[in-house]
PDB file of N, CA and C in Angstrom:
ATOM      1  N   MET A   1       7.177 -12.791  -0.694  1.00  0.00           N
ATOM      2  CA  MET A   1       7.746 -12.119  -1.655  1.00  0.00           C
ATOM      3  C   MET A   1       9.090 -11.920  -1.977  1.00  0.00           C
ATOM      4  N   LYS A   2       9.366 -13.003  -3.086  1.00  0.00           N
ATOM      5  CA  LYS A   2      11.215 -12.336  -3.509  1.00  0.00           C
ATOM      6  C   LYS A   2      10.957 -11.419  -4.711  1.00  0.00           C
ATOM      7  N   VAL A   3      11.742 -10.549  -5.118  1.00  0.00           N
ATOM      8  CA  VAL A   3      12.021  -9.798  -6.153  1.00  0.00           C
ATOM      9  C   VAL A   3      13.237  -9.720  -6.676  1.00  0.00           C
ATOM     10  N   ARG A   4      13.364 -10.473  -7.795  1.00  0.00           N
ATOM     11  CA  ARG A   4      15.051 -10.867  -8.309  1.00  0.00           C
ATOM     12  C   ARG A   4      15.204  -9.705  -9.341  1.00  0.00           C
ATOM     13  N   PHE A   5      16.456  -8.524  -9.156  1.00  0.00           N
ATOM     14  CA  PHE A   5      16.886  -7.538  -9.526  1.00  0.00           C
ATOM     15  C   PHE A   5      18.202  -7.842 -10.789  1.00  0.00           C
ATOM     16  N   ARG A   6      18.165  -7.418 -12.005  1.00  0.00           N
ATOM     17  CA  ARG A   6      19.349  -8.190 -12.976  1.00  0.00           C
ATOM     18  C   ARG A   6      19.815  -6.423 -14.126  1.00  0.00           C
ATOM     19  N   ARG A   7      20.793  -6.056 -13.391  1.00  0.00           N
ATOM     20  CA  ARG A   7      21.309  -5.302 -13.748  1.00  0.00           C
ATOM     21  C   ARG A   7      22.122  -5.457 -15.152  1.00  0.00           C
ATOM     22  N   GLN A   8      21.798  -5.013 -16.526  1.00  0.00           N
ATOM     23  CA  GLN A   8      23.073  -5.386 -17.179  1.00  0.00           C
ATOM     24  C   GLN A   8      23.200  -4.184 -17.635  1.00  0.00           C
ATOM     25  N   LEU A   9      24.134  -4.233 -18.773  1.00  0.00           N
ATOM     26  CA  LEU A   9      25.015  -3.077 -19.115  1.00  0.00           C
ATOM     27  C   LEU A   9      25.308  -3.427 -20.800  1.00  0.00           C
ATOM     28  N   GLY A  10      25.285  -2.869 -21.522  1.00  0.00           N
ATOM     29  CA  GLY A  10      25.502  -3.089 -23.354  1.00  0.00           C
ATOM     30  C   GLY A  10      25.999  -1.649 -24.369  1.00  0.00           C
ATOM     31  N   LYS A  11      26.269  -2.414 -25.322  1.00  0.00           N
ATOM     32  CA  LYS A  11      26.096  -1.495 -26.297  1.00  0.00           C
ATOM     33  C   LYS A  11      24.999  -0.988 -26.976  1.00  0.00           C
ATOM     34  N   GLY A  12      25.091  -0.488 -27.356  1.00  0.00           N
ATOM     35  CA  GLY A  12      23.623   0.281 -28.760  1.00  0.00           C
ATOM     36  C   GLY A  12      24.189   1.297 -29.375  1.00  0.00           C
ATOM     37  N   GLY A  13      23.505   1.347 -30.706  1.00  0.00           N
ATOM     38  CA  GLY A  13      23.774   2.389 -31.422  1.00  0.00           C
ATOM     39  C   GLY A  13      24.303   2.097 -32.818  1.00  0.00           C
ATOM     40  N   MET A  14      23.953   2.029 -34.143  1.00  0.00           N
ATOM     41  CA  MET A  14      24.414   1.459 -35.416  1.00  0.00           C
ATOM     42  C   MET A  14      25.847   2.560 -35.551  1.00  0.00           C
ATOM     43  N   ILE A  15      25.517   4.480 -35.889  1.00  0.00           N
ATOM     44  CA  ILE A  15      26.581   4.859 -35.707  1.00  0.00           C
ATOM     45  C   ILE A  15      27.364   5.609 -34.419  1.00  0.00           C
ATOM     46  N   LYS A  16      26.864   6.113 -33.803  1.00  0.00           N
ATOM     47  CA  LYS A  16      27.593   6.211 -32.745  1.00  0.00           C
ATOM     48  C   LYS A  16      27.704   5.243 -31.203  1.00  0.00           C
ATOM     49  N   ARG A  17      28.339   4.332 -30.951  1.00  0.00           N
ATOM     50  CA  ARG A  17      28.315   3.880 -30.259  1.00  0.00           C
ATOM     51  C   ARG A  17      27.927   3.718 -28.642  1.00  0.00           C
ATOM     52  N   THR A  18      26.749   4.058 -28.643  1.00  0.00           N
ATOM     53  CA  THR A  18      26.557   4.003 -26.977  1.00  0.00           C
ATOM     54  C   THR A  18      26.524   3.114 -26.220  1.00  0.00           C
ATOM     55  N   THR A  19      26.230   3.308 -24.742  1.00  0.00           N
ATOM     56  CA  THR A  19      26.442   2.289 -23.725  1.00  0.00           C
ATOM     57  C   THR A  19      24.702   2.346 -23.271  1.00  0.00           C
ATOM     58  N   THR A  20      24.097   0.953 -22.946  1.00  0.00           N
ATOM     59  CA  THR A  20      22.677   0.755 -22.610  1.00  0.00           C
ATOM     60  C   THR A  20      22.933   0.111 -21.053  1.00  0.00           C
ATOM     61  N   PHE A  21      21.516   0.542 -20.289  1.00  0.00           N
ATOM     62  CA  PHE A  21      21.790   0.252 -18.836  1.00  0.00           C
ATOM     63  C   PHE A  21      19.874  -0.521 -19.152  1.00  0.00           C
ATOM     64  N   SER A  22      20.396  -1.413 -18.597  1.00  0.00           N
ATOM     65  CA  SER A  22      18.740  -1.838 -18.443  1.00  0.00           C
ATOM     66  C   SER A  22      18.740  -2.701 -17.452  1.00  0.00           C
ATOM     67  N   LEU A  23      17.170  -2.647 -16.524  1.00  0.00           N
ATOM     68  CA  LEU A  23      17.427  -3.246 -15.141  1.00  0.00           C
ATOM     69  C   LEU A  23      16.474  -4.393 -15.272  1.00  0.00           C
ATOM     70  N   GLY A  24      16.354  -5.781 -15.182  1.00  0.00           N
ATOM     71  CA  GLY A  24      14.934  -6.847 -15.325  1.00  0.00           C
ATOM     72  C   GLY A  24      14.600  -7.042 -13.957  1.00  0.00           C
ATOM     73  N   VAL A  25      13.453  -7.143 -13.695  1.00  0.00           N
ATOM     74  CA  VAL A  25      12.635  -7.136 -12.545  1.00  0.00           C
ATOM     75  C   VAL A  25      11.924  -8.087 -12.895  1.00  0.00           C
ATOM     76  N   ARG A  26      12.038  -9.097 -11.679  1.00  0.00           N
ATOM     77  CA  ARG A  26      10.821 -10.341 -11.426  1.00  0.00           C
ATOM     78  C   ARG A  26      10.308 -10.484 -10.433  1.00  0.00           C
ATOM     79  N   ALA A  27       9.116 -10.734 -10.111  1.00  0.00           N
ATOM     80  CA  ALA A  27       8.894 -11.324  -8.374  1.00  0.00           C
ATOM     81  C   ALA A  27       8.352 -12.456  -8.559  1.00  0.00           C
ATOM     82  N   GLU A  28       9.001 -13.404  -7.437  1.00  0.00           N
ATOM     83  CA  GLU A  28       8.189 -14.680  -7.033  1.00  0.00           C
ATOM     84  C   GLU A  28       7.161 -14.837  -6.032  1.00  0.00           C
ATOM     85  N   LEU A  29       6.153 -14.883  -6.230  1.00  0.00           N
ATOM     86  CA  LEU A  29       5.332 -14.926  -5.090  1.00  0.00           C
ATOM     87  C   LEU A  29       4.996 -16.237  -4.881  1.00  0.00           C
ATOM     88  N   THR A  30       4.465 -16.473  -2.803  1.00  0.00           N
ATOM     89  CA  THR A  30       3.982 -17.405  -2.337  1.00  0.00           C
ATOM     90  C   THR A  30       2.661 -17.967  -2.955  1.00  0.00           C
ATOM     91  N   PRO A  31       2.279 -18.808  -2.864  1.00  0.00           N
ATOM     92  CA  PRO A  31       0.952 -19.439  -3.639  1.00  0.00           C
ATOM     93  C   PRO A  31      -0.035 -19.080  -2.587  1.00  0.00           C
ATOM     94  N   GLU A  32       0.770 -18.098  -1.111  1.00  0.00           N
ATOM     95  CA  GLU A  32      -0.417 -17.382  -0.577  1.00  0.00           C
ATOM     96  C   GLU A  32      -0.708 -16.040  -0.741  1.00  0.00           C
ATOM     97  N   GLU A  33       0.398 -15.461  -1.154  1.00  0.00           N
ATOM     98  CA  GLU A  33       0.161 -14.075  -2.124  1.00  0.00           C
ATOM     99  C   GLU A  33      -0.033 -13.764  -3.317  1.00  0.00           C
ATOM    100  N   ASP A  34       0.240 -15.183  -3.870  1.00  0.00           N
ATOM    101  CA  ASP A  34      -0.817 -15.149  -5.495  1.00  0.00           C
ATOM    102  C   ASP A  34      -2.293 -15.216  -5.367  1.00  0.00           C
ATOM    103  N   ALA A  35      -2.524 -16.165  -4.190  1.00  0.00           N
ATOM    104  CA  ALA A  35      -4.329 -16.651  -4.037  1.00  0.00           C
ATOM    105  C   ALA A  35      -5.022 -14.561  -3.486  1.00  0.00           C
ATOM    106  N   LEU A  36      -3.814 -14.218  -2.920  1.00  0.00           N
ATOM    107  CA  LEU A  36      -4.300 -12.667  -2.491  1.00  0.00           C
ATOM    108  C   LEU A  36      -4.374 -11.673  -3.498  1.00  0.00           C
ATOM    109  N   ILE A  37      -3.584 -12.148  -4.324  1.00  0.00           N
ATOM    110  CA  ILE A  37      -3.875 -11.181  -5.751  1.00  0.00           C
ATOM    111  C   ILE A  37      -4.859 -11.233  -5.961  1.00  0.00           C
ATOM    112  N   LYS A  38      -5.474 -12.795  -6.336  1.00  0.00           N
ATOM    113  CA  LYS A  38      -6.509 -13.176  -7.094  1.00  0.00           C
ATOM    114  C   LYS A  38      -7.876 -12.618  -6.324  1.00  0.00           C
ATOM    115  N   LYS A  39      -7.869 -12.632  -5.073  1.00  0.00           N
ATOM    116  CA  LYS A  39      -8.779 -12.707  -4.037  1.00  0.00           C
ATOM    117  C   LYS A  39      -9.182 -11.089  -4.120  1.00  0.00           C
ATOM    118  N   CYS A  40      -7.860  -9.998  -4.432  1.00  0.00           N
ATOM    119  CA  CYS A  40      -8.401  -8.373  -4.520  1.00  0.00           C
ATOM    120  C   CYS A  40      -8.362  -8.160  -5.574  1.00  0.00           C
ATOM    121  N   ASP A  41      -8.360  -9.079  -6.654  1.00  0.00           N
ATOM    122  CA  ASP A  41      -8.054  -8.359  -8.218  1.00  0.00           C
ATOM    123  C   ASP A  41      -7.094  -7.151  -8.348  1.00  0.00           C
ATOM    124  N   ALA A  42      -5.974  -7.963  -7.469  1.00  0.00           N
ATOM    125  CA  ALA A  42      -5.344  -6.531  -7.539  1.00  0.00           C
ATOM    126  C   ALA A  42      -4.028  -6.399  -8.872  1.00  0.00           C
ATOM    127  N   ALA A  43      -3.884  -7.929  -9.933  1.00  0.00           N
ATOM    128  CA  ALA A  43      -3.411  -8.193 -11.106  1.00  0.00           C
ATOM    129  C   ALA A  43      -2.840  -6.878 -11.870  1.00  0.00           C
ATOM    130  N   ASP A  44      -3.834  -5.973 -12.094  1.00  0.00           N
ATOM    131  CA  ASP A  44      -3.593  -4.876 -12.662  1.00  0.00           C
ATOM    132  C   ASP A  44      -3.313  -3.315 -11.987  1.00  0.00           C
ATOM    133  N   THR A  45      -3.375  -3.541 -10.716  1.00  0.00           N
ATOM    134  CA  THR A  45      -2.374  -2.495  -9.679  1.00  0.00           C
ATOM    135  C   THR A  45      -1.485  -2.122 -10.423  1.00  0.00           C
ATOM    136  N   VAL A  46      -1.024  -0.908 -10.526  1.00  0.00           N
ATOM    137  CA  VAL A  46      -0.195  -0.622 -10.878  1.00  0.00           C
ATOM    138  C   VAL A  46       0.978   0.081  -9.748  1.00  0.00           C
ATOM    139  N   LEU A  47       2.170  -0.684  -9.901  1.00  0.00           N
ATOM    140  CA  LEU A  47       3.253  -0.398  -8.907  1.00  0.00           C
ATOM    141  C   LEU A  47       4.495   0.767  -9.244  1.00  0.00           C
ATOM    142  N   TYR A  48       4.323   1.347 -10.758  1.00  0.00           N
ATOM    143  CA  TYR A  48       5.574   1.942 -10.840  1.00  0.00           C
ATOM    144  C   TYR A  48       5.123   2.309 -12.211  1.00  0.00           C
ATOM    145  N   THR A  49       5.559   3.540 -12.282  1.00  0.00           N
ATOM    146  CA  THR A  49       5.590   4.478 -13.643  1.00  0.00           C
ATOM    147  C   THR A  49       6.845   4.752 -14.079  1.00  0.00           C
ATOM    148  N   TRP A  50       6.898   5.052 -15.550  1.00  0.00           N
ATOM    149  CA  TRP A  50       8.103   6.173 -15.078  1.00  0.00           C
ATOM    150  C   TRP A  50       7.830   6.763 -17.117  1.00  0.00           C
ATOM    151  N   MET A  51       8.640   7.032 -17.379  1.00  0.00           N
ATOM    152  CA  MET A  51       9.361   8.171 -18.954  1.00  0.00           C
ATOM    153  C   MET A  51      10.140   7.666 -19.340  1.00  0.00           C
ATOM    154  N   ALA A  52       9.942   7.289 -21.011  1.00  0.00           N
ATOM    155  CA  ALA A  52      10.558   6.469 -21.987  1.00  0.00           C
ATOM    156  C   ALA A  52      10.925   7.439 -23.374  1.00  0.00           C
ATOM    157  N   GLY A  53      11.662   6.660 -23.776  1.00  0.00           N
ATOM    158  CA  GLY A  53      12.089   7.774 -24.596  1.00  0.00           C
ATOM    159  C   GLY A  53      12.742   8.852 -24.967  1.00  0.00           C
ATOM    160  N   LYS A  54      13.324   9.297 -26.088  1.00  0.00           N
ATOM    161  CA  LYS A  54      14.697  10.045 -26.394  1.00  0.00           C
ATOM    162  C   LYS A  54      14.103  11.353 -25.263  1.00  0.00           C
ATOM    163  N   LYS A  55      12.843  11.604 -25.700  1.00  0.00           N
ATOM    164  CA  LYS A  55      12.072  13.118 -25.279  1.00  0.00           C
ATOM    165  C   LYS A  55      11.455  12.765 -24.062  1.00  0.00           C
ATOM    166  N   LYS A  56      11.496  11.579 -23.660  1.00  0.00           N
ATOM    167  CA  LYS A  56      10.712  11.137 -22.237  1.00  0.00           C
ATOM    168  C   LYS A  56       9.540  11.616 -22.466  1.00  0.00           C
ATOM    169  N   ASP A  57       8.723  11.284 -23.684  1.00  0.00           N
ATOM    170  CA  ASP A  57       7.310  11.253 -23.957  1.00  0.00           C
ATOM    171  C   ASP A  57       6.287  10.189 -24.115  1.00  0.00           C
ATOM    172  N   ILE A  58       6.440   9.112 -23.306  1.00  0.00           N
ATOM    173  CA  ILE A  58       6.789   7.571 -23.555  1.00  0.00           C
ATOM    174  C   ILE A  58       6.303   7.360 -21.950  1.00  0.00           C
ATOM    175  N   GLU A  59       4.862   6.785 -21.536  1.00  0.00           N
ATOM    176  CA  GLU A  59       4.717   6.703 -19.714  1.00  0.00           C
ATOM    177  C   GLU A  59       4.549   5.151 -20.021  1.00  0.00           C
ATOM    178  N   LEU A  60       5.334   4.679 -19.499  1.00  0.00           N
ATOM    179  CA  LEU A  60       5.642   3.182 -18.999  1.00  0.00           C
ATOM    180  C   LEU A  60       5.075   2.841 -17.534  1.00  0.00           C
ATOM    181  N   VAL A  61       4.341   1.844 -17.726  1.00  0.00           N
ATOM    182  CA  VAL A  61       3.512   1.094 -16.663  1.00  0.00           C
ATOM    183  C   VAL A  61       4.285  -0.240 -16.112  1.00  0.00           C
ATOM    184  N   MET A  62       4.314  -0.716 -14.513  1.00  0.00           N
ATOM    185  CA  MET A  62       4.433  -1.706 -14.281  1.00  0.00           C
ATOM    186  C   MET A  62       3.027  -1.909 -13.549  1.00  0.00           C
ATOM    187  N   THR A  63       2.531  -2.842 -13.846  1.00  0.00           N
ATOM    188  CA  THR A  63       2.062  -3.775 -12.578  1.00  0.00           C
ATOM    189  C   THR A  63       2.181  -4.823 -11.905  1.00  0.00           C
ATOM    190  N   VAL A  64       1.248  -5.708 -11.241  1.00  0.00           N
ATOM    191  CA  VAL A  64       1.766  -6.593 -10.425  1.00  0.00           C
ATOM    192  C   VAL A  64       1.718  -7.693 -11.633  1.00  0.00           C
ATOM    193  N   LYS A  65       0.760  -7.748 -12.246  1.00  0.00           N
ATOM    194  CA  LYS A  65       1.079  -8.851 -13.383  1.00  0.00           C
ATOM    195  C   LYS A  65       2.624  -8.629 -14.039  1.00  0.00           C
ATOM    196  N   GLY A  66       2.565  -7.922 -14.668  1.00  0.00           N
ATOM    197  CA  GLY A  66       4.288  -7.509 -14.961  1.00  0.00           C
ATOM    198  C   GLY A  66       5.027  -7.747 -14.438  1.00  0.00           C
ATOM    199  N   LEU A  67       5.224  -7.409 -13.126  1.00  0.00           N
ATOM    200  CA  LEU A  67       6.517  -7.480 -11.993  1.00  0.00           C
ATOM    201  C   LEU A  67       6.271  -8.922 -12.275  1.00  0.00           C
ATOM    202  N   VAL A  68       5.172  -9.831 -11.858  1.00  0.00           N
ATOM    203  CA  VAL A  68       5.027 -11.530 -11.624  1.00  0.00           C
ATOM    204  C   VAL A  68       5.761 -12.173 -12.934  1.00  0.00           C
ATOM    205  N   SER A  69       5.046 -11.542 -14.264  1.00  0.00           N
ATOM    206  CA  SER A  69       5.816 -12.342 -15.145  1.00  0.00           C
ATOM    207  C   SER A  69       7.440 -11.737 -15.569  1.00  0.00           C
ATOM    208  N   GLY A  70       7.608 -10.782 -14.902  1.00  0.00           N
ATOM    209  CA  GLY A  70       8.705  -9.808 -15.772  1.00  0.00           C
ATOM    210  C   GLY A  70       9.229  -8.741 -16.479  1.00  0.00           C
ATOM    211  N   ARG A  71       9.773  -7.529 -16.325  1.00  0.00           N
ATOM    212  CA  ARG A  71       9.725  -6.980 -17.119  1.00  0.00           C
ATOM    213  C   ARG A  71      11.401  -6.307 -17.462  1.00  0.00           C
ATOM    214  N   GLU A  72      11.766  -5.644 -18.149  1.00  0.00           N
ATOM    215  CA  GLU A  72      12.896  -5.103 -18.494  1.00  0.00           C
ATOM    216  C   GLU A  72      12.398  -3.567 -18.700  1.00  0.00           C
ATOM    217  N   LEU A  73      13.169  -3.004 -17.815  1.00  0.00           N
ATOM    218  CA  LEU A  73      13.208  -1.166 -17.463  1.00  0.00           C
ATOM    219  C   LEU A  73      14.530  -0.617 -17.850  1.00  0.00           C
ATOM    220  N   ASN A  74      14.331  -0.182 -19.082  1.00  0.00           N
ATOM    221  CA  ASN A  74      15.540   0.678 -19.967  1.00  0.00           C
ATOM    222  C   ASN A  74      16.043   1.996 -18.903  1.00  0.00           C
ATOM    223  N   CYS A  75      17.421   2.484 -19.418  1.00  0.00           N
ATOM    224  CA  CYS A  75      17.281   3.532 -18.206  1.00  0.00           C
ATOM    225  C   CYS A  75      19.161   4.493 -18.912  1.00  0.00           C
ATOM    226  N   ASP A  76      18.101   5.724 -18.780  1.00  0.00           N
ATOM    227  CA  ASP A  76      19.491   6.527 -19.425  1.00  0.00           C
ATOM    228  C   ASP A  76      21.202   6.510 -19.129  1.00  0.00           C
ATOM    229  N   ASP A  77      21.352   5.891 -18.407  1.00  0.00           N
ATOM    230  CA  ASP A  77      22.626   6.067 -17.490  1.00  0.00           C
ATOM    231  C   ASP A  77      22.306   5.069 -16.085  1.00  0.00           C
ATOM    232  N   PHE A  78      23.625   4.758 -15.802  1.00  0.00           N
ATOM    233  CA  PHE A  78      23.696   3.975 -14.417  1.00  0.00           C
ATOM    234  C   PHE A  78      23.035   4.541 -13.126  1.00  0.00           C
ATOM    235  N   ILE A  79      23.240   6.346 -13.305  1.00  0.00           N
ATOM    236  CA  ILE A  79      22.130   7.056 -12.183  1.00  0.00           C
ATOM    237  C   ILE A  79      20.998   6.172 -12.358  1.00  0.00           C
ATOM    238  N   ASP A  80      20.289   6.269 -12.846  1.00  0.00           N
ATOM    239  CA  ASP A  80      18.754   6.598 -13.346  1.00  0.00           C
ATOM    240  C   ASP A  80      19.009   5.026 -13.053  1.00  0.00           C
ATOM    241  N   LEU A  81      19.322   4.219 -13.383  1.00  0.00           N
ATOM    242  CA  LEU A  81      19.118   2.465 -13.552  1.00  0.00           C
ATOM    243  C   LEU A  81      19.020   2.394 -11.623  1.00  0.00           C
ATOM    244  N   VAL A  82      20.028   3.090 -11.367  1.00  0.00           N
ATOM    245  CA  VAL A  82      20.151   2.764  -9.675  1.00  0.00           C
ATOM    246  C   VAL A  82      18.828   3.545  -8.521  1.00  0.00           C
ATOM    247  N   ARG A  83      18.706   4.950  -9.615  1.00  0.00           N
ATOM    248  CA  ARG A  83      17.178   5.535  -8.815  1.00  0.00           C
ATOM    249  C   ARG A  83      16.006   4.382  -9.280  1.00  0.00           C
ATOM    250  N   THR A  84      15.665   4.183 -10.256  1.00  0.00           N
ATOM    251  CA  THR A  84      14.819   3.147 -11.177  1.00  0.00           C
ATOM    252  C   THR A  84      15.044   1.673 -10.103  1.00  0.00           C
ATOM    253  N   GLU A  85      15.914   1.568  -9.561  1.00  0.00           N
ATOM    254  CA  GLU A  85      16.124  -0.208  -9.083  1.00  0.00           C
ATOM    255  C   GLU A  85      15.264   0.237  -7.256  1.00  0.00           C
ATOM    256  N   GLU A  86      15.681   1.828  -6.814  1.00  0.00           N
ATOM    257  CA  GLU A  86      15.382   2.622  -5.928  1.00  0.00           C
ATOM    258  C   GLU A  86      13.872   2.266  -5.401  1.00  0.00           C
ATOM    259  N   GLU A  87      13.466   3.130  -6.620  1.00  0.00           N
ATOM    260  CA  GLU A  87      11.694   3.132  -6.496  1.00  0.00           C
ATOM    261  C   GLU A  87      11.113   2.198  -6.855  1.00  0.00           C
ATOM    262  N   VAL A  88      11.413   1.032  -7.554  1.00  0.00           N
ATOM    263  CA  VAL A  88      10.821  -0.266  -7.750  1.00  0.00           C
ATOM    264  C   VAL A  88      10.411  -1.034  -6.810  1.00  0.00           C
ATOM    265  N   GLN A  89      12.126  -0.702  -5.524  1.00  0.00           N
ATOM    266  CA  GLN A  89      11.812  -1.930  -4.327  1.00  0.00           C
ATOM    267  C   GLN A  89      10.851  -0.850  -3.173  1.00  0.00           C
ATOM    268  N   LYS A  90      11.150   0.524  -3.379  1.00  0.00           N
ATOM    269  CA  LYS A  90      10.098   1.012  -2.913  1.00  0.00           C
ATOM    270  C   LYS A  90       8.698   0.715  -3.009  1.00  0.00           C
ATOM    271  N   ALA A  91       8.185   0.511  -4.598  1.00  0.00           N
ATOM    272  CA  ALA A  91       6.885   0.366  -4.969  1.00  0.00           C
ATOM    273  C   ALA A  91       6.573  -1.308  -4.630  1.00  0.00           C
ATOM    274  N   CYS A  92       8.012  -1.869  -4.458  1.00  0.00           N
ATOM    275  CA  CYS A  92       7.383  -3.474  -3.861  1.00  0.00           C
ATOM    276  C   CYS A  92       6.917  -3.838  -2.643  1.00  0.00           C
ATOM    277  N   GLY A  93       7.841  -2.690  -1.715  1.00  0.00           N
ATOM    278  CA  GLY A  93       7.920  -2.479  -0.186  1.00  0.00           C
ATOM    279  C   GLY A  93       6.380  -2.113   0.238  1.00  0.00           C
ATOM    280  N   ILE A  94       5.640  -1.452  -0.139  1.00  0.00           N
ATOM    281  CA  ILE A  94       4.219  -0.741   0.031  1.00  0.00           C
ATOM    282  C   ILE A  94       3.200  -2.260  -0.949  1.00  0.00           C
ATOM    283  N   PHE A  95       3.382  -2.165  -1.903  1.00  0.00           N
ATOM    284  CA  PHE A  95       2.551  -3.986  -1.840  1.00  0.00           C
ATOM    285  C   PHE A  95       2.784  -4.667  -1.498  1.00  0.00           C
ATOM    286  N   LYS A  96       3.584  -5.372  -0.839  1.00  0.00           N
ATOM    287  CA  LYS A  96       4.017  -6.074   0.479  1.00  0.00           C
ATOM    288  C   LYS A  96       3.001  -5.963   1.549  1.00  0.00           C
ATOM    289  N   GLN A  97       3.361  -4.365   1.900  1.00  0.00           N
ATOM    290  CA  GLN A  97       2.012  -4.215   2.897  1.00  0.00           C
ATOM    291  C   GLN A  97       0.936  -4.078   2.855  1.00  0.00           C
ATOM    292  N   PHE A  98       0.302  -3.855   1.195  1.00  0.00           N
ATOM    293  CA  PHE A  98      -1.154  -3.901   1.036  1.00  0.00           C
ATOM    294  C   PHE A  98      -1.372  -5.452   1.239  1.00  0.00           C
ATOM    295  N   LEU A  99      -0.693  -6.709   0.140  1.00  0.00           N
ATOM    296  CA  LEU A  99      -0.938  -7.744   0.747  1.00  0.00           C
ATOM    297  C   LEU A  99      -1.169  -8.434   2.319  1.00  0.00           C
ATOM    298  N   GLU A 100      -0.246  -7.874   3.070  1.00  0.00           N
ATOM    299  CA  GLU A 100       0.013  -8.229   4.698  1.00  0.00           C
ATOM    300  C   GLU A 100      -1.741  -7.603   5.286  1.00  0.00           C
ATOM    301  N   LYS A 101      -2.055  -6.501   4.903  1.00  0.00           N
ATOM    302  CA  LYS A 101      -3.289  -6.079   5.519  1.00  0.00           C
ATOM    303  C   LYS A 101      -4.381  -6.747   4.424  1.00  0.00           C
ATOM    304  N   ALA A 102      -4.250  -7.325   3.182  1.00  0.00           N
ATOM    305  CA  ALA A 102      -5.380  -8.372   2.874  1.00  0.00           C
ATOM    306  C   ALA A 102      -5.744  -9.188   3.190  1.00  0.00           C
ATOM    307  N   LYS A 103      -4.466  -9.784   3.838  1.00  0.00           N
ATOM    308  CA  LYS A 103      -4.805 -11.093   4.702  1.00  0.00           C
ATOM    309  C   LYS A 103      -5.910 -11.245   6.050  1.00  0.00           C
ATOM    310  N   LYS A 104      -6.170  -9.766   6.224  1.00  0.00           N
ATOM    311  CA  LYS A 104      -6.868  -9.664   7.626  1.00  0.00           C
ATOM    312  C   LYS A 104      -8.173  -9.000   6.978  1.00  0.00           C
ATOM    313  N   PHE A 105      -8.742  -8.882   6.006  1.00  0.00           N
ATOM    314  CA  PHE A 105      -9.762  -8.416   5.685  1.00  0.00           C
ATOM    315  C   PHE A 105     -10.640  -9.133   5.979  1.00  0.00           C
ATOM    316  N   GLY A 106     -11.758  -8.796   6.611  1.00  0.00           N
ATOM    317  CA  GLY A 106     -12.669  -9.329   7.715  1.00  0.00           C
ATOM    318  C   GLY A 106     -12.572  -9.444   9.228  1.00  0.00           C
ATOM    319  N   GLU A 107     -11.680  -9.099   9.498  1.00  0.00           N
ATOM    320  CA  GLU A 107     -10.707  -9.030  10.800  1.00  0.00           C
ATOM    321  C   GLU A 107     -11.070  -7.184  11.144  1.00  0.00           C
ATOM    322  N   GLU A 108     -11.034  -7.467  12.520  1.00  0.00           N
ATOM    323  CA  GLU A 108     -11.234  -6.345  13.179  1.00  0.00           C
ATOM    324  C   GLU A 108      -9.868  -5.306  13.562  1.00  0.00           C
ATOM    325  N   GLU A 109      -9.480  -4.462  13.417  1.00  0.00           N
ATOM    326  CA  GLU A 109      -8.209  -4.344  13.767  1.00  0.00           C
ATOM    327  C   GLU A 109      -7.938  -2.709  14.722  1.00  0.00           C
ATOM    328  N   ILE A 110      -7.710  -2.882  15.691  1.00  0.00           N
ATOM    329  CA  ILE A 110      -7.524  -1.727  16.677  1.00  0.00           C
ATOM    330  C   ILE A 110      -6.176  -1.166  16.917  1.00  0.00           C
ATOM    331  N   VAL A 111      -5.928  -0.130  16.345  1.00  0.00           N
ATOM    332  CA  VAL A 111      -4.759   0.845  15.824  1.00  0.00           C
ATOM    333  C   VAL A 111      -4.789   2.011  16.981  1.00  0.00           C
ATOM    334  N   ASP A 112      -3.612   1.947  18.070  1.00  0.00           N
ATOM    335  CA  ASP A 112      -3.754   3.215  19.282  1.00  0.00           C
ATOM    336  C   ASP A 112      -2.572   4.298  18.675  1.00  0.00           C
ATOM    337  N   PHE A 113      -2.964   5.822  18.662  1.00  0.00           N
ATOM    338  CA  PHE A 113      -2.487   6.807  18.142  1.00  0.00           C
ATOM    339  C   PHE A 113      -2.259   7.099  20.180  1.00  0.00           C
TER     340      PHE A 113
END
């Protein structure tokens, strides 16, 4: 799985010009990963949630399906953009671990402690 991140800086606001920040995120899956997602019925699995809106009163979610089709995440400032990117990267890493375990469904696994 490859995940592409695109940071964008823009200008917004009609009366008061403000700087806008957005993060484009899109995953490219191998055919094997795509098959595992279908096998595990994981397309609607939530990978990341965040609050949006001026009052942070709108909850948005990124699912596996959304990650594969691509999402644009709007952030309040550059620090928020960086933190959001880091959180999405963590979520993708956890999901990659899930896919690795899904490869071994039906097999016995021995874990030493």
